[in-house]
Amino acid sequence: MYSRRYVITSLLGAIGAAGMATSAMTGEAWARQRNGVPIPESKPPVPRGARVAARPPAILVLDPGHGGRDPGAIGMSGTEEKDVTLSICQSIRDQLQRRSDIRVHLTRDNDTYIPLGSRVAFAHEKGADLFISIHADAAPNHSAHGLSAYSRSDRASDDFARKLADRENQVDTVYGFDASSTDKQTAAILIDLARRHSHNASLVAKRRIVTGMGKDVPLLDNPMRAANFAVLRSPSVPSVLIETGFLTNPHDERELRNPKSRAKLAQYLAEHIAPVTADLREA
């Protein structure tokens, strides 16, 4: 079993090679790739007594939803989603700055509007092991409350998730791969393989974060859902969208509006996101 990082690196390298590797492959190698089995690279032996380089830190990219001219959801008391998400992401970053094994980047660190595609591109630029988009949306009904998490799926897990995604999405693009330099058949195979690896990693991340958070905060009914969120469409970076609550619910708005409650929520999120990110660096 080859690691997710090995597969993604191999795929990106293959695309950058403009498809030349395809023509040079042996029949066995091509069959292995078609069956989703990457070809291992031979590595020189490490001399006895040689120093092993320190493992680089895992990269976590946090995406505070909305910003600038886009306030996101607005609660009955005037709480704006863009302010809630930025505050939570900054608090998570501050919590994790104490760790040497994780490096945190924010797609925005102030009240700035950033297109969805640019958020995903930023995660690729930073070499993210995990991309987490933080939200506090308006729910389809005012009774909905509690934390929930979403992974990407072409088909929404339910009508609730579909409506949330429809509200968020403004673009419809596959981000992360420039396959223009290779033939269509090879590009399709490589992108599909990368998608499957990252999709599986996203599902595991979603489950672990929600299971952990469920011990600390109230959860939405059926808190693990899926929908076609544009911001989750990277084929190579495991991505999860977390709804910290819904500003359309009076209780959730009170909690998200309160700086102390928000900081506590961020602390819990940091505690549960950190091990997932570190494990993805190992994967």
C-alpha atoms as a PDB file:
ATOM      1  CA  MET A   1       0.000   0.000   0.000  1.00  0.00           C
ATOM      2  CA  TYR A   2       1.515   3.305  -1.066  1.00  0.00           C
ATOM      3  CA  SER A   3       1.001   6.512   0.853  1.00  0.00           C
ATOM      4  CA  ARG A   4      -1.415   9.235  -0.234  1.00  0.00           C
ATOM      5  CA  ARG A   5       1.430  11.748  -0.391  1.00  0.00           C
ATOM      6  CA  TYR A   6       3.512   9.397  -2.558  1.00  0.00           C
ATOM      7  CA  VAL A   7       0.621   8.925  -4.973  1.00  0.00           C
ATOM      8  CA  ILE A   8      -0.158  12.657  -5.224  1.00  0.00           C
ATOM      9  CA  THR A   9       3.506  13.543  -5.739  1.00  0.00           C
ATOM     10  CA  SER A  10       3.843  10.863  -8.387  1.00  0.00           C
ATOM     11  CA  LEU A  11       0.745  12.078 -10.201  1.00  0.00           C
ATOM     12  CA  LEU A  12       1.815  15.704 -10.222  1.00  0.00           C
ATOM     13  CA  GLY A  13       5.197  14.658 -11.529  1.00  0.00           C
ATOM     14  CA  ALA A  14       3.612  12.553 -14.215  1.00  0.00           C
ATOM     15  CA  ILE A  15       1.449  15.417 -15.407  1.00  0.00           C
ATOM     16  CA  GLY A  16       4.430  17.761 -15.438  1.00  0.00           C
ATOM     17  CA  ALA A  17       6.240  15.270 -17.658  1.00  0.00           C
ATOM     18  CA  ALA A  18       3.722  16.046 -20.423  1.00  0.00           C
ATOM     19  CA  GLY A  19       2.649  12.459 -20.761  1.00  0.00           C
ATOM     20  CA  MET A  20       6.140  11.289 -21.799  1.00  0.00           C
ATOM     21  CA  ALA A  21       6.156   8.640 -19.118  1.00  0.00           C
ATOM     22  CA  THR A  22       3.141   6.971 -20.705  1.00  0.00           C
ATOM     23  CA  SER A  23       4.889   6.215 -23.959  1.00  0.00           C
ATOM     24  CA  ALA A  24       8.001   4.968 -22.159  1.00  0.00           C
ATOM     25  CA  MET A  25       6.162   2.629 -19.760  1.00  0.00           C
ATOM     26  CA  THR A  26       6.492  -1.107 -19.981  1.00  0.00           C
ATOM     27  CA  GLY A  27       3.257  -3.046 -20.356  1.00  0.00           C
ATOM     28  CA  GLU A  28       3.455  -4.170 -16.734  1.00  0.00           C
ATOM     29  CA  ALA A  29       3.972  -0.617 -15.461  1.00  0.00           C
ATOM     30  CA  TRP A  30       1.045   0.725 -17.492  1.00  0.00           C
ATOM     31  CA  ALA A  31      -1.193  -2.075 -16.193  1.00  0.00           C
ATOM     32  CA  ARG A  32      -0.186  -1.259 -12.618  1.00  0.00           C
ATOM     33  CA  GLN A  33      -1.066   2.413 -13.087  1.00  0.00           C
ATOM     34  CA  ARG A  34      -4.411   1.621 -14.737  1.00  0.00           C
ATOM     35  CA  ASN A  35      -5.271  -0.548 -11.739  1.00  0.00           C
ATOM     36  CA  GLY A  36      -4.492   2.312  -9.372  1.00  0.00           C
ATOM     37  CA  VAL A  37      -1.153   0.895  -8.153  1.00  0.00           C
ATOM     38  CA  PRO A  38       1.669   3.493  -8.287  1.00  0.00           C
ATOM     39  CA  ILE A  39       5.089   2.330  -9.358  1.00  0.00           C
ATOM     40  CA  PRO A  40       7.553   2.555  -6.451  1.00  0.00           C
ATOM     41  CA  GLU A  41      10.720   4.504  -6.962  1.00  0.00           C
ATOM     42  CA  SER A  42      14.002   2.897  -6.036  1.00  0.00           C
ATOM     43  CA  LYS A  43      15.701   4.743  -3.189  1.00  0.00           C
ATOM     44  CA  PRO A  44      19.417   4.592  -2.377  1.00  0.00           C
ATOM     45  CA  PRO A  45      20.193   2.918   0.964  1.00  0.00           C
ATOM     46  CA  VAL A  46      20.830   5.227   3.905  1.00  0.00           C
ATOM     47  CA  PRO A  47      24.439   4.811   5.093  1.00  0.00           C
ATOM     48  CA  ARG A  48      24.745   3.378   8.587  1.00  0.00           C
ATOM     49  CA  GLY A  49      25.186   6.156  11.121  1.00  0.00           C
ATOM     50  CA  ALA A  50      23.956   8.820   8.724  1.00  0.00           C
ATOM     51  CA  ARG A  51      21.736  11.550  10.141  1.00  0.00           C
ATOM     52  CA  VAL A  52      18.100  11.345   9.122  1.00  0.00           C
ATOM     53  CA  ALA A  53      16.664  14.723   8.131  1.00  0.00           C
ATOM     54  CA  ALA A  54      13.954  16.067  10.407  1.00  0.00           C
ATOM     55  CA  ARG A  55      10.465  15.453   9.075  1.00  0.00           C
ATOM     56  CA  PRO A  56       8.924  18.683   7.759  1.00  0.00           C
ATOM     57  CA  PRO A  57       5.845  19.917   9.615  1.00  0.00           C
ATOM     58  CA  ALA A  58       2.374  19.067   8.368  1.00  0.00           C
ATOM     59  CA  ILE A  59       0.656  21.913   6.546  1.00  0.00           C
ATOM     60  CA  LEU A  60      -2.854  22.933   7.592  1.00  0.00           C
ATOM     61  CA  VAL A  61      -4.682  25.579   5.568  1.00  0.00           C
ATOM     62  CA  LEU A  62      -7.650  27.176   7.345  1.00  0.00           C
ATOM     63  CA  ASP A  63     -10.181  29.013   5.216  1.00  0.00           C
ATOM     64  CA  PRO A  64     -12.356  31.583   7.031  1.00  0.00           C
ATOM     65  CA  GLY A  65     -15.522  31.594   4.942  1.00  0.00           C
ATOM     66  CA  HIS A  66     -16.668  34.780   3.174  1.00  0.00           C
ATOM     67  CA  GLY A  67     -15.036  38.185   3.831  1.00  0.00           C
ATOM     68  CA  GLY A  68     -14.929  41.714   2.454  1.00  0.00           C
ATOM     69  CA  ARG A  69     -17.980  42.563   0.357  1.00  0.00           C
ATOM     70  CA  ASP A  70     -19.393  39.089   1.104  1.00  0.00           C
ATOM     71  CA  PRO A  71     -20.611  39.002   4.741  1.00  0.00           C
ATOM     72  CA  GLY A  72     -22.049  35.485   4.470  1.00  0.00           C
ATOM     73  CA  ALA A  73     -24.988  34.727   6.741  1.00  0.00           C
ATOM     74  CA  ILE A  74     -26.260  37.471   9.036  1.00  0.00           C
ATOM     75  CA  GLY A  75     -27.940  36.551  12.329  1.00  0.00           C
ATOM     76  CA  MET A  76     -30.985  38.179  13.859  1.00  0.00           C
ATOM     77  CA  SER A  77     -28.693  40.197  16.157  1.00  0.00           C
ATOM     78  CA  GLY A  78     -26.583  41.356  13.230  1.00  0.00           C
ATOM     79  CA  THR A  79     -23.734  38.853  13.657  1.00  0.00           C
ATOM     80  CA  GLU A  80     -21.908  38.475  10.350  1.00  0.00           C
ATOM     81  CA  GLU A  81     -20.551  35.093   9.346  1.00  0.00           C
ATOM     82  CA  LYS A  82     -17.337  36.563   7.913  1.00  0.00           C
ATOM     83  CA  ASP A  83     -16.367  37.923  11.359  1.00  0.00           C
ATOM     84  CA  VAL A  84     -17.170  34.676  13.167  1.00  0.00           C
ATOM     85  CA  THR A  85     -15.174  32.515  10.769  1.00  0.00           C
ATOM     86  CA  LEU A  86     -12.115  34.781  10.818  1.00  0.00           C
ATOM     87  CA  SER A  87     -12.095  34.911  14.623  1.00  0.00           C
ATOM     88  CA  ILE A  88     -12.351  31.120  14.921  1.00  0.00           C
ATOM     89  CA  CYS A  89      -9.607  30.464  12.357  1.00  0.00           C
ATOM     90  CA  GLN A  90      -7.248  32.963  13.983  1.00  0.00           C
ATOM     91  CA  SER A  91      -7.853  31.319  17.371  1.00  0.00           C
ATOM     92  CA  ILE A  92      -7.181  27.835  15.974  1.00  0.00           C
ATOM     93  CA  ARG A  93      -3.947  29.098  14.417  1.00  0.00           C
ATOM     94  CA  ASP A  94      -2.873  30.686  17.694  1.00  0.00           C
ATOM     95  CA  GLN A  95      -3.535  27.409  19.518  1.00  0.00           C
ATOM     96  CA  LEU A  96      -1.510  25.361  17.032  1.00  0.00           C
ATOM     97  CA  GLN A  97       1.422  27.782  16.769  1.00  0.00           C
ATOM     98  CA  ARG A  98       2.813  26.136  19.881  1.00  0.00           C
ATOM     99  CA  ARG A  99       3.319  22.872  17.999  1.00  0.00           C
ATOM    100  CA  SER A 100       6.461  22.217  15.985  1.00  0.00           C
ATOM    101  CA  ASP A 101       4.888  19.436  13.887  1.00  0.00           C
ATOM    102  CA  ILE A 102       2.161  21.586  12.269  1.00  0.00           C
ATOM    103  CA  ARG A 103       2.327  24.836  10.317  1.00  0.00           C
ATOM    104  CA  VAL A 104      -0.929  26.768   9.862  1.00  0.00           C
ATOM    105  CA  HIS A 105      -1.802  29.170   7.046  1.00  0.00           C
ATOM    106  CA  LEU A 106      -5.011  31.208   6.662  1.00  0.00           C
ATOM    107  CA  THR A 107      -6.473  31.964   3.251  1.00  0.00           C
ATOM    108  CA  ARG A 108      -7.312  35.407   4.659  1.00  0.00           C
ATOM    109  CA  ASP A 109      -6.167  37.118   7.828  1.00  0.00           C
ATOM    110  CA  ASN A 110      -8.377  40.203   7.559  1.00  0.00           C
ATOM    111  CA  ASP A 111     -11.714  41.345   6.165  1.00  0.00           C
ATOM    112  CA  THR A 112     -10.894  40.582   2.534  1.00  0.00           C
ATOM    113  CA  TYR A 113     -12.984  39.077  -0.248  1.00  0.00           C
ATOM    114  CA  ILE A 114     -11.292  36.046  -1.839  1.00  0.00           C
ATOM    115  CA  PRO A 115     -12.830  34.047  -4.729  1.00  0.00           C
ATOM    116  CA  LEU A 116     -13.431  30.365  -4.042  1.00  0.00           C
ATOM    117  CA  GLY A 117     -10.915  29.293  -6.653  1.00  0.00           C
ATOM    118  CA  SER A 118      -8.195  31.424  -5.103  1.00  0.00           C
ATOM    119  CA  ARG A 119      -8.781  29.779  -1.725  1.00  0.00           C
ATOM    120  CA  VAL A 120      -8.192  26.345  -3.194  1.00  0.00           C
ATOM    121  CA  ALA A 121      -5.221  27.573  -5.208  1.00  0.00           C
ATOM    122  CA  PHE A 122      -3.701  28.935  -1.979  1.00  0.00           C
ATOM    123  CA  ALA A 123      -3.930  25.478  -0.394  1.00  0.00           C
ATOM    124  CA  HIS A 124      -2.059  24.009  -3.377  1.00  0.00           C
ATOM    125  CA  GLU A 125       0.548  26.753  -3.245  1.00  0.00           C
ATOM    126  CA  LYS A 126       1.247  25.995   0.420  1.00  0.00           C
ATOM    127  CA  GLY A 127       1.389  22.230  -0.163  1.00  0.00           C
ATOM    128  CA  ALA A 128      -1.478  21.622   2.259  1.00  0.00           C
ATOM    129  CA  ASP A 129      -1.926  18.230   3.877  1.00  0.00           C
ATOM    130  CA  LEU A 130      -5.425  19.279   4.948  1.00  0.00           C
ATOM    131  CA  PHE A 131      -7.737  22.122   3.937  1.00  0.00           C
ATOM    132  CA  ILE A 132     -10.466  23.131   6.401  1.00  0.00           C
ATOM    133  CA  SER A 133     -13.077  25.711   5.420  1.00  0.00           C
ATOM    134  CA  ILE A 134     -14.847  27.218   8.435  1.00  0.00           C
ATOM    135  CA  HIS A 135     -18.423  28.516   8.199  1.00  0.00           C
ATOM    136  CA  ALA A 136     -21.416  29.573  10.305  1.00  0.00           C
ATOM    137  CA  ASP A 137     -24.115  29.592   7.662  1.00  0.00           C
ATOM    138  CA  ALA A 138     -27.809  30.262   7.369  1.00  0.00           C
ATOM    139  CA  ALA A 139     -29.633  26.931   7.595  1.00  0.00           C
ATOM    140  CA  PRO A 140     -32.614  25.991   5.411  1.00  0.00           C
ATOM    141  CA  ASN A 141     -34.675  25.981   8.637  1.00  0.00           C
ATOM    142  CA  HIS A 142     -34.245  28.014  11.826  1.00  0.00           C
ATOM    143  CA  SER A 143     -34.454  24.983  14.111  1.00  0.00           C
ATOM    144  CA  ALA A 144     -31.177  23.550  12.748  1.00  0.00           C
ATOM    145  CA  HIS A 145     -28.315  24.036  15.202  1.00  0.00           C
ATOM    146  CA  GLY A 146     -25.011  22.502  16.205  1.00  0.00           C
ATOM    147  CA  LEU A 147     -21.727  21.670  14.533  1.00  0.00           C
ATOM    148  CA  SER A 148     -21.523  19.596  11.348  1.00  0.00           C
ATOM    149  CA  ALA A 149     -18.909  18.731   8.707  1.00  0.00           C
ATOM    150  CA  TYR A 150     -19.100  18.166   4.965  1.00  0.00           C
ATOM    151  CA  SER A 151     -16.947  16.407   2.422  1.00  0.00           C
ATOM    152  CA  ARG A 152     -17.369  16.808  -1.315  1.00  0.00           C
ATOM    153  CA  SER A 153     -19.763  14.669  -3.306  1.00  0.00           C
ATOM    154  CA  ASP A 154     -21.278  15.210  -6.746  1.00  0.00           C
ATOM    155  CA  ARG A 155     -24.533  14.052  -5.210  1.00  0.00           C
ATOM    156  CA  ALA A 156     -25.547  15.654  -1.923  1.00  0.00           C
ATOM    157  CA  SER A 157     -26.192  13.356   1.016  1.00  0.00           C
ATOM    158  CA  ASP A 158     -29.539  15.084   1.611  1.00  0.00           C
ATOM    159  CA  ASP A 159     -31.597  18.129   0.659  1.00  0.00           C
ATOM    160  CA  PHE A 160     -30.264  20.124   3.623  1.00  0.00           C
ATOM    161  CA  ALA A 161     -26.653  19.688   2.457  1.00  0.00           C
ATOM    162  CA  ARG A 162     -27.587  20.444  -1.162  1.00  0.00           C
ATOM    163  CA  LYS A 163     -29.209  23.751  -0.215  1.00  0.00           C
ATOM    164  CA  LEU A 164     -26.173  24.778   1.826  1.00  0.00           C
ATOM    165  CA  ALA A 165     -23.848  24.002  -1.083  1.00  0.00           C
ATOM    166  CA  ASP A 166     -26.068  25.811  -3.592  1.00  0.00           C
ATOM    167  CA  ARG A 167     -25.967  28.891  -1.393  1.00  0.00           C
ATOM    168  CA  GLU A 168     -22.178  28.840  -1.107  1.00  0.00           C
ATOM    169  CA  ASN A 169     -21.160  27.961  -4.648  1.00  0.00           C
ATOM    170  CA  GLN A 170     -20.339  30.558  -7.256  1.00  0.00           C
ATOM    171  CA  VAL A 171     -17.979  28.624  -9.533  1.00  0.00           C
ATOM    172  CA  ASP A 172     -17.835  25.185 -11.118  1.00  0.00           C
ATOM    173  CA  THR A 173     -14.253  24.218 -11.784  1.00  0.00           C
ATOM    174  CA  VAL A 174     -11.907  21.387 -10.950  1.00  0.00           C
ATOM    175  CA  TYR A 175      -8.984  23.038  -9.194  1.00  0.00           C
ATOM    176  CA  GLY A 176      -5.414  21.991  -8.700  1.00  0.00           C
ATOM    177  CA  PHE A 177      -4.330  20.222 -11.867  1.00  0.00           C
ATOM    178  CA  ASP A 178      -3.192  21.811 -15.066  1.00  0.00           C
ATOM    179  CA  ALA A 179      -3.507  18.843 -17.374  1.00  0.00           C
ATOM    180  CA  SER A 180      -3.147  20.834 -20.575  1.00  0.00           C
ATOM    181  CA  SER A 181       0.344  19.468 -21.192  1.00  0.00           C
ATOM    182  CA  THR A 182      -0.653  15.805 -21.295  1.00  0.00           C
ATOM    183  CA  ASP A 183      -3.077  13.731 -23.316  1.00  0.00           C
ATOM    184  CA  LYS A 184      -6.711  13.536 -22.217  1.00  0.00           C
ATOM    185  CA  GLN A 185      -6.734   9.802 -21.450  1.00  0.00           C
ATOM    186  CA  THR A 186      -3.682   9.971 -19.216  1.00  0.00           C
ATOM    187  CA  ALA A 187      -4.939  13.120 -17.488  1.00  0.00           C
ATOM    188  CA  ALA A 188      -8.308  11.481 -16.783  1.00  0.00           C
ATOM    189  CA  ILE A 189      -6.659   8.433 -15.202  1.00  0.00           C
ATOM    190  CA  LEU A 190      -4.301  10.502 -13.061  1.00  0.00           C
ATOM    191  CA  ILE A 191      -6.948  12.940 -11.867  1.00  0.00           C
ATOM    192  CA  ASP A 192      -9.360  10.113 -11.045  1.00  0.00           C
ATOM    193  CA  LEU A 193      -6.728   8.308  -8.987  1.00  0.00           C
ATOM    194  CA  ALA A 194      -5.791  11.481  -7.126  1.00  0.00           C
ATOM    195  CA  ARG A 195      -9.443  12.248  -6.456  1.00  0.00           C
ATOM    196  CA  ARG A 196     -10.064   8.815  -4.969  1.00  0.00           C
ATOM    197  CA  HIS A 197      -7.094   9.080  -2.609  1.00  0.00           C
ATOM    198  CA  SER A 198      -8.013  12.592  -1.463  1.00  0.00           C
ATOM    199  CA  HIS A 199     -11.720  11.771  -1.216  1.00  0.00           C
ATOM    200  CA  ASN A 200     -10.996   8.837   1.089  1.00  0.00           C
ATOM    201  CA  ALA A 201      -8.681  10.988   3.207  1.00  0.00           C
ATOM    202  CA  SER A 202     -11.375  13.693   3.412  1.00  0.00           C
ATOM    203  CA  LEU A 203     -13.941  11.163   4.651  1.00  0.00           C
ATOM    204  CA  VAL A 204     -11.584   9.923   7.358  1.00  0.00           C
ATOM    205  CA  ALA A 205     -10.741  13.488   8.422  1.00  0.00           C
ATOM    206  CA  LYS A 206     -14.427  14.440   8.573  1.00  0.00           C
ATOM    207  CA  ARG A 207     -15.309  11.412  10.671  1.00  0.00           C
ATOM    208  CA  ARG A 208     -12.457  11.890  13.137  1.00  0.00           C
ATOM    209  CA  ILE A 209     -13.107  15.605  13.636  1.00  0.00           C
ATOM    210  CA  VAL A 210     -16.862  15.212  14.119  1.00  0.00           C
ATOM    211  CA  THR A 211     -16.474  12.201  16.432  1.00  0.00           C
ATOM    212  CA  GLY A 212     -14.038  14.142  18.585  1.00  0.00           C
ATOM    213  CA  MET A 213     -16.057  17.359  18.586  1.00  0.00           C
ATOM    214  CA  GLY A 214     -19.180  15.440  19.555  1.00  0.00           C
ATOM    215  CA  LYS A 215     -17.655  14.930  23.002  1.00  0.00           C
ATOM    216  CA  ASP A 216     -17.296  18.681  23.510  1.00  0.00           C
ATOM    217  CA  VAL A 217     -20.061  20.572  21.678  1.00  0.00           C
ATOM    218  CA  PRO A 218     -23.630  20.001  20.436  1.00  0.00           C
ATOM    219  CA  LEU A 219     -23.828  18.480  16.958  1.00  0.00           C
ATOM    220  CA  LEU A 220     -26.346  18.942  14.174  1.00  0.00           C
ATOM    221  CA  ASP A 221     -28.627  15.981  13.624  1.00  0.00           C
ATOM    222  CA  ASN A 222     -26.762  13.714  11.195  1.00  0.00           C
ATOM    223  CA  PRO A 223     -23.574  15.822  11.509  1.00  0.00           C
ATOM    224  CA  MET A 224     -21.508  14.072   8.819  1.00  0.00           C
ATOM    225  CA  ARG A 225     -22.838  15.069   5.414  1.00  0.00           C
ATOM    226  CA  ALA A 226     -21.687  15.585   1.836  1.00  0.00           C
ATOM    227  CA  ALA A 227     -22.449  18.040  -0.950  1.00  0.00           C
ATOM    228  CA  ASN A 228     -20.839  19.582  -4.006  1.00  0.00           C
ATOM    229  CA  PHE A 229     -19.201  22.575  -2.314  1.00  0.00           C
ATOM    230  CA  ALA A 230     -16.971  24.406  -4.785  1.00  0.00           C
ATOM    231  CA  VAL A 231     -14.359  25.114  -2.126  1.00  0.00           C
ATOM    232  CA  LEU A 232     -13.877  21.351  -1.609  1.00  0.00           C
ATOM    233  CA  ARG A 233     -13.181  20.510  -5.246  1.00  0.00           C
ATOM    234  CA  SER A 234      -9.417  20.073  -5.104  1.00  0.00           C
ATOM    235  CA  PRO A 235      -8.572  16.644  -6.522  1.00  0.00           C
ATOM    236  CA  SER A 236      -5.338  16.368  -4.543  1.00  0.00           C
ATOM    237  CA  VAL A 237      -5.835  18.036  -1.137  1.00  0.00           C
ATOM    238  CA  PRO A 238      -8.080  16.373   1.491  1.00  0.00           C
ATOM    239  CA  SER A 239     -10.749  18.992   2.232  1.00  0.00           C
ATOM    240  CA  VAL A 240     -13.508  19.378   4.829  1.00  0.00           C
ATOM    241  CA  LEU A 241     -16.035  22.172   5.349  1.00  0.00           C
ATOM    242  CA  ILE A 242     -17.075  22.674   8.972  1.00  0.00           C
ATOM    243  CA  GLU A 243     -20.269  24.467   9.906  1.00  0.00           C
ATOM    244  CA  THR A 244     -19.558  25.642  13.443  1.00  0.00           C
ATOM    245  CA  GLY A 245     -23.241  26.412  13.890  1.00  0.00           C
ATOM    246  CA  PHE A 246     -26.002  28.363  12.154  1.00  0.00           C
ATOM    247  CA  LEU A 247     -26.535  32.077  12.606  1.00  0.00           C
ATOM    248  CA  THR A 248     -30.204  31.556  11.745  1.00  0.00           C
ATOM    249  CA  ASN A 249     -30.614  29.732  15.071  1.00  0.00           C
ATOM    250  CA  PRO A 250     -30.878  32.063  18.126  1.00  0.00           C
ATOM    251  CA  HIS A 251     -28.879  29.744  20.423  1.00  0.00           C
ATOM    252  CA  ASP A 252     -26.084  29.210  17.912  1.00  0.00           C
ATOM    253  CA  GLU A 253     -25.891  32.928  17.171  1.00  0.00           C
ATOM    254  CA  ARG A 254     -25.539  33.740  20.885  1.00  0.00           C
ATOM    255  CA  GLU A 255     -22.702  31.227  21.229  1.00  0.00           C
ATOM    256  CA  LEU A 256     -20.892  32.323  18.069  1.00  0.00           C
ATOM    257  CA  ARG A 257     -21.326  35.998  18.914  1.00  0.00           C
ATOM    258  CA  ASN A 258     -19.752  35.538  22.374  1.00  0.00           C
ATOM    259  CA  PRO A 259     -15.917  35.854  22.241  1.00  0.00           C
ATOM    260  CA  LYS A 260     -15.392  33.400  25.131  1.00  0.00           C
ATOM    261  CA  SER A 261     -17.668  30.746  23.629  1.00  0.00           C
ATOM    262  CA  ARG A 262     -16.018  31.234  20.242  1.00  0.00           C
ATOM    263  CA  ALA A 263     -12.538  30.848  21.745  1.00  0.00           C
ATOM    264  CA  LYS A 264     -13.573  27.648  23.513  1.00  0.00           C
ATOM    265  CA  LEU A 265     -14.982  26.242  20.277  1.00  0.00           C
ATOM    266  CA  ALA A 266     -11.728  27.110  18.498  1.00  0.00           C
ATOM    267  CA  GLN A 267      -9.769  25.332  21.235  1.00  0.00           C
ATOM    268  CA  TYR A 268     -11.787  22.149  20.731  1.00  0.00           C
ATOM    269  CA  LEU A 269     -11.390  22.381  16.969  1.00  0.00           C
ATOM    270  CA  ALA A 270      -7.626  22.827  17.296  1.00  0.00           C
ATOM    271  CA  GLU A 271      -7.388  19.787  19.567  1.00  0.00           C
ATOM    272  CA  HIS A 272      -9.212  17.543  17.101  1.00  0.00           C
ATOM    273  CA  ILE A 273      -7.892  18.934  13.816  1.00  0.00           C
ATOM    274  CA  ALA A 274      -4.226  18.761  14.859  1.00  0.00           C
ATOM    275  CA  PRO A 275      -3.826  14.947  15.059  1.00  0.00           C
ATOM    276  CA  VAL A 276      -5.719  14.494  11.795  1.00  0.00           C
ATOM    277  CA  THR A 277      -3.388  16.922  10.010  1.00  0.00           C
ATOM    278  CA  ALA A 278      -0.272  15.314  11.495  1.00  0.00           C
ATOM    279  CA  ASP A 279      -1.437  11.849  10.438  1.00  0.00           C
ATOM    280  CA  LEU A 280      -2.060  13.042   6.868  1.00  0.00           C
ATOM    281  CA  ARG A 281       1.577  14.156   6.682  1.00  0.00           C
ATOM    282  CA  GLU A 282       2.522  10.579   7.559  1.00  0.00           C
ATOM    283  CA  ALA A 283       0.007   9.033   5.136  1.00  0.00           C
END
